[in-house]
Amino acid sequence: MGISYHVAWHMLHRFRVAMVCAARERLSGEVEVDETLIGGVETGGKRGRGTNKGIVAIAVEIKHPKGFGRIRMRHISDASAKSLGAFVRETIAAGSILCTDGWLGYYGLSSEYKHRQTILSSSDDPAHVAMPGVHQVASLLKRWLLGTHQGAFAKAHLQSYLEEFTFRFNRRTSHNRGQLFRQLLEQAVATPPVTQEGIHHGYAWNNEKQEKN
């Protein structure tokens, strides 16, 4: 296109902001929720929910007899009840069937959701069988980051990449690519201006759009 990498990079991040439709509805029905680690684990580092690597919360609508619906993802600071509770409440409609593992971070949601817990340590099924939706989406996300972005991203920009993946995944069954491009352009026009300074060190998703997710 005859533009520098610097300009192209900022253009892509502006489009990622536009990919989040302000009017998008919360997930509903039966929804699986879990977390995954992005970025690997350094040699000698901690593993599991206490790691200092990027933690991504994933919610996936489960369709019956098979298949998945829409997804939502968020880069969270930790796997505490405060972080996970906020993610669930802001992305899943109250009264939905909430499927989680036995992690304490999901306690306290039973009054708002039909909470179905599967304690994996006491289950005969492995995690990918007991919670197939989130594990398949997490696998696709990591493969996409490695294949498209060579696994190179800054944690400050992780949420922007998650929003792009969500936009693509939720429209995976569309057969009209031109319509998707038009939809993105329409959302870009309706999105308030995003300055270079507002993107360079990581877009402020928490302040600008998170309440609309």
Protein backbone atom coordinates (compact mmCIF):
# COMPACT_ATOMS: atom_id res chain seq x y z
CA MET A 1 0.00 0.00 0.00
CA GLY A 2 3.04 2.28 0.02
CA ILE A 3 2.88 3.00 3.76
CA SER A 4 5.34 2.27 6.55
CA TYR A 5 5.06 -0.58 9.04
CA HIS A 6 4.47 2.00 11.77
CA VAL A 7 1.40 3.42 9.98
CA ALA A 8 0.06 -0.03 9.05
CA TRP A 9 0.42 -1.24 12.65
CA HIS A 10 -1.64 1.65 13.99
CA MET A 11 -4.26 1.20 11.26
CA LEU A 12 -4.69 -2.46 12.20
CA HIS A 13 -5.14 -1.60 15.88
CA ARG A 14 -7.76 1.00 15.01
CA PHE A 15 -9.67 -1.64 13.06
CA ARG A 16 -9.41 -4.01 16.05
CA VAL A 17 -11.07 -1.37 18.20
CA ALA A 18 -13.82 -1.05 15.58
CA MET A 19 -14.37 -4.82 15.61
CA VAL A 20 -16.11 -4.47 18.98
CA CYS A 21 -19.70 -3.55 18.25
CA ALA A 22 -21.08 -1.34 21.02
CA ALA A 23 -24.51 -2.98 20.68
CA ARG A 24 -23.39 -6.62 20.78
CA GLU A 25 -25.49 -8.78 23.07
CA ARG A 26 -24.27 -10.88 25.96
CA LEU A 27 -23.85 -14.61 25.54
CA SER A 28 -26.81 -16.74 26.64
CA GLY A 29 -28.08 -20.30 26.93
CA GLU A 30 -25.45 -22.81 28.04
CA VAL A 31 -22.04 -21.16 28.35
CA GLU A 32 -18.69 -22.70 29.28
CA VAL A 33 -16.16 -20.47 31.03
CA ASP A 34 -12.52 -21.17 31.80
CA GLU A 35 -9.11 -19.52 31.62
CA THR A 36 -5.97 -20.26 29.62
CA LEU A 37 -2.39 -19.02 29.72
CA ILE A 38 -0.98 -17.17 26.73
CA GLY A 39 2.75 -16.84 26.11
CA GLY A 40 4.11 -20.04 27.66
CA VAL A 41 6.00 -20.52 30.91
CA GLU A 42 9.61 -19.50 31.47
CA THR A 43 12.06 -22.13 32.65
CA GLY A 44 11.78 -22.42 36.40
CA GLY A 45 8.64 -20.27 36.46
CA LYS A 46 5.34 -21.01 38.15
CA ARG A 47 2.62 -22.96 36.41
CA GLY A 48 -1.12 -22.74 36.65
CA ARG A 49 -3.38 -19.87 37.67
CA GLY A 50 -0.66 -18.16 39.70
CA THR A 51 1.72 -17.61 36.78
CA ASN A 52 2.81 -14.14 35.70
CA LYS A 53 2.02 -14.93 32.05
CA GLY A 54 -1.02 -13.53 30.28
CA ILE A 55 -4.26 -15.02 31.62
CA VAL A 56 -7.21 -15.04 29.22
CA ALA A 57 -10.77 -15.76 30.34
CA ILE A 58 -12.86 -17.49 27.66
CA ALA A 59 -16.64 -17.90 27.43
CA VAL A 60 -18.21 -20.12 24.75
CA GLU A 61 -21.88 -20.74 23.94
CA ILE A 62 -22.56 -24.48 23.68
CA LYS A 63 -25.05 -25.66 21.09
CA HIS A 64 -26.89 -28.99 21.18
CA PRO A 65 -26.62 -31.64 19.93
CA LYS A 66 -23.19 -30.28 18.91
CA GLY A 67 -21.33 -27.16 17.93
CA PHE A 68 -20.42 -23.80 19.41
CA GLY A 69 -22.05 -20.40 19.18
CA ARG A 70 -20.45 -17.06 19.96
CA ILE A 71 -17.44 -16.44 22.15
CA ARG A 72 -16.05 -13.67 24.36
CA MET A 73 -12.49 -13.36 25.64
CA ARG A 74 -10.75 -11.02 28.05
CA HIS A 75 -7.19 -10.56 29.23
CA ILE A 76 -7.49 -10.50 33.03
CA SER A 77 -4.88 -9.58 35.63
CA ASP A 78 -5.49 -12.69 37.74
CA ALA A 79 -7.92 -15.56 38.23
CA SER A 80 -9.51 -14.11 41.35
CA ALA A 81 -13.24 -14.09 42.05
CA LYS A 82 -13.26 -10.33 41.40
CA SER A 83 -11.71 -10.62 37.92
CA LEU A 84 -13.65 -13.70 36.84
CA GLY A 85 -16.91 -12.49 38.34
CA ALA A 86 -16.67 -9.20 36.44
CA PHE A 87 -15.94 -11.03 33.18
CA VAL A 88 -18.88 -13.41 33.61
CA ARG A 89 -21.38 -10.71 34.59
CA GLU A 90 -20.37 -8.37 31.77
CA THR A 91 -20.35 -10.97 29.00
CA ILE A 92 -23.05 -13.53 29.94
CA ALA A 93 -26.75 -12.79 30.43
CA ALA A 94 -28.13 -13.48 33.89
CA GLY A 95 -30.13 -16.70 34.14
CA SER A 96 -27.91 -18.55 31.65
CA ILE A 97 -26.47 -21.98 32.39
CA LEU A 98 -22.89 -21.33 33.53
CA CYS A 99 -20.51 -24.31 33.17
CA THR A 100 -17.18 -24.04 35.01
CA ASP A 101 -14.63 -26.20 36.76
CA GLY A 102 -14.26 -26.24 40.53
CA TRP A 103 -12.02 -23.16 40.76
CA LEU A 104 -12.90 -20.95 43.76
CA GLY A 105 -12.90 -17.88 41.53
CA TYR A 106 -16.32 -18.89 40.19
CA TYR A 107 -17.98 -19.22 43.58
CA GLY A 108 -20.65 -16.65 44.31
CA LEU A 109 -22.23 -16.74 40.84
CA SER A 110 -24.93 -19.30 41.64
CA SER A 111 -27.42 -16.63 42.67
CA GLU A 112 -27.30 -15.06 39.19
CA TYR A 113 -26.75 -18.11 36.97
CA LYS A 114 -27.67 -21.78 36.85
CA HIS A 115 -24.17 -22.75 37.89
CA ARG A 116 -23.02 -26.20 36.78
CA GLN A 117 -19.60 -27.12 38.15
CA THR A 118 -17.38 -30.01 37.05
CA ILE A 119 -14.58 -30.67 39.53
CA LEU A 120 -12.00 -32.13 37.17
CA SER A 121 -9.93 -33.81 39.87
CA SER A 122 -12.90 -36.03 40.74
CA SER A 123 -14.15 -36.48 37.18
CA ASP A 124 -13.33 -39.46 34.99
CA ASP A 125 -13.19 -37.20 31.93
CA PRO A 126 -10.09 -35.16 31.01
CA ALA A 127 -10.44 -31.37 30.81
CA HIS A 128 -10.87 -31.28 27.03
CA VAL A 129 -13.78 -33.73 27.29
CA ALA A 130 -15.49 -32.19 30.32
CA MET A 131 -15.09 -28.62 28.96
CA PRO A 132 -14.71 -29.05 25.16
CA GLY A 133 -15.75 -25.57 24.09
CA VAL A 134 -13.22 -23.45 25.94
CA HIS A 135 -10.39 -25.90 25.31
CA GLN A 136 -10.99 -25.98 21.57
CA VAL A 137 -11.25 -22.20 21.36
CA ALA A 138 -8.09 -21.79 23.46
CA SER A 139 -6.25 -24.19 21.14
CA LEU A 140 -7.42 -22.28 18.04
CA LEU A 141 -6.43 -18.96 19.62
CA LYS A 142 -2.89 -20.13 20.41
CA ARG A 143 -2.51 -21.65 16.95
CA TRP A 144 -3.69 -18.37 15.35
CA LEU A 145 -1.28 -16.30 17.43
CA LEU A 146 1.62 -18.58 16.52
CA GLY A 147 0.72 -18.87 12.85
CA THR A 148 -0.37 -15.33 12.06
CA HIS A 149 1.68 -13.34 14.57
CA GLN A 150 4.53 -15.81 15.21
CA GLY A 151 3.54 -15.73 18.87
CA ALA A 152 4.95 -12.21 19.17
CA PHE A 153 2.74 -9.72 21.02
CA ALA A 154 2.99 -7.41 23.99
CA LYS A 155 0.68 -8.04 26.94
CA ALA A 156 -0.46 -4.42 26.68
CA HIS A 157 -1.94 -5.25 23.25
CA LEU A 158 -3.22 -8.75 24.01
CA GLN A 159 -6.86 -7.66 24.39
CA SER A 160 -6.77 -6.10 20.92
CA TYR A 161 -5.68 -9.42 19.41
CA LEU A 162 -8.39 -11.22 21.39
CA GLU A 163 -11.02 -8.88 19.94
CA GLU A 164 -9.81 -9.59 16.39
CA PHE A 165 -9.94 -13.35 16.99
CA THR A 166 -13.43 -13.01 18.51
CA PHE A 167 -14.65 -10.98 15.51
CA ARG A 168 -13.34 -13.62 13.10
CA PHE A 169 -14.59 -16.62 15.11
CA ASN A 170 -18.11 -15.28 15.61
CA ARG A 171 -18.45 -14.81 11.85
CA ARG A 172 -16.77 -18.07 10.82
CA THR A 173 -19.91 -19.44 9.17
CA SER A 174 -20.53 -16.40 6.97
CA HIS A 175 -20.28 -17.08 3.24
CA ASN A 176 -20.28 -13.42 2.27
CA ARG A 177 -16.82 -12.01 2.96
CA GLY A 178 -17.69 -8.73 1.26
CA GLN A 179 -20.54 -8.17 3.69
CA LEU A 180 -18.19 -8.73 6.63
CA PHE A 181 -15.77 -6.16 5.20
CA ARG A 182 -18.64 -3.70 4.79
CA GLN A 183 -19.80 -4.36 8.36
CA LEU A 184 -16.30 -3.64 9.69
CA LEU A 185 -16.14 -0.38 7.73
CA GLU A 186 -19.56 0.64 9.07
CA GLN A 187 -18.42 -0.07 12.63
CA ALA A 188 -15.19 1.83 11.99
CA VAL A 189 -17.19 4.91 10.90
CA ALA A 190 -19.38 4.66 14.03
CA THR A 191 -16.39 4.21 16.38
CA PRO A 192 -15.12 7.41 18.07
CA PRO A 193 -11.70 8.61 16.89
CA VAL A 194 -8.75 6.64 18.27
CA THR A 195 -5.49 8.56 18.51
CA GLN A 196 -2.04 7.14 17.98
CA GLU A 197 -1.23 7.92 21.61
CA GLY A 198 -4.31 5.97 22.66
CA ILE A 199 -3.04 2.85 20.91
CA HIS A 200 0.74 2.93 21.17
CA HIS A 201 0.98 1.70 24.77
CA GLY A 202 -2.17 -0.42 24.65
CA TYR A 203 -5.76 0.65 24.07
CA ALA A 204 -7.68 1.38 27.29
CA TRP A 205 -10.35 -1.29 26.82
CA ASN A 206 -11.34 -1.17 30.48
CA ASN A 207 -12.21 2.51 30.29
CA GLU A 208 -13.63 2.82 26.81
CA LYS A 209 -15.58 -0.28 25.78
CA GLN A 210 -15.52 -2.99 28.38
CA GLU A 211 -18.86 -2.01 29.90
CA LYS A 212 -20.47 -2.49 26.46
CA ASN A 213 -19.21 -6.04 25.93
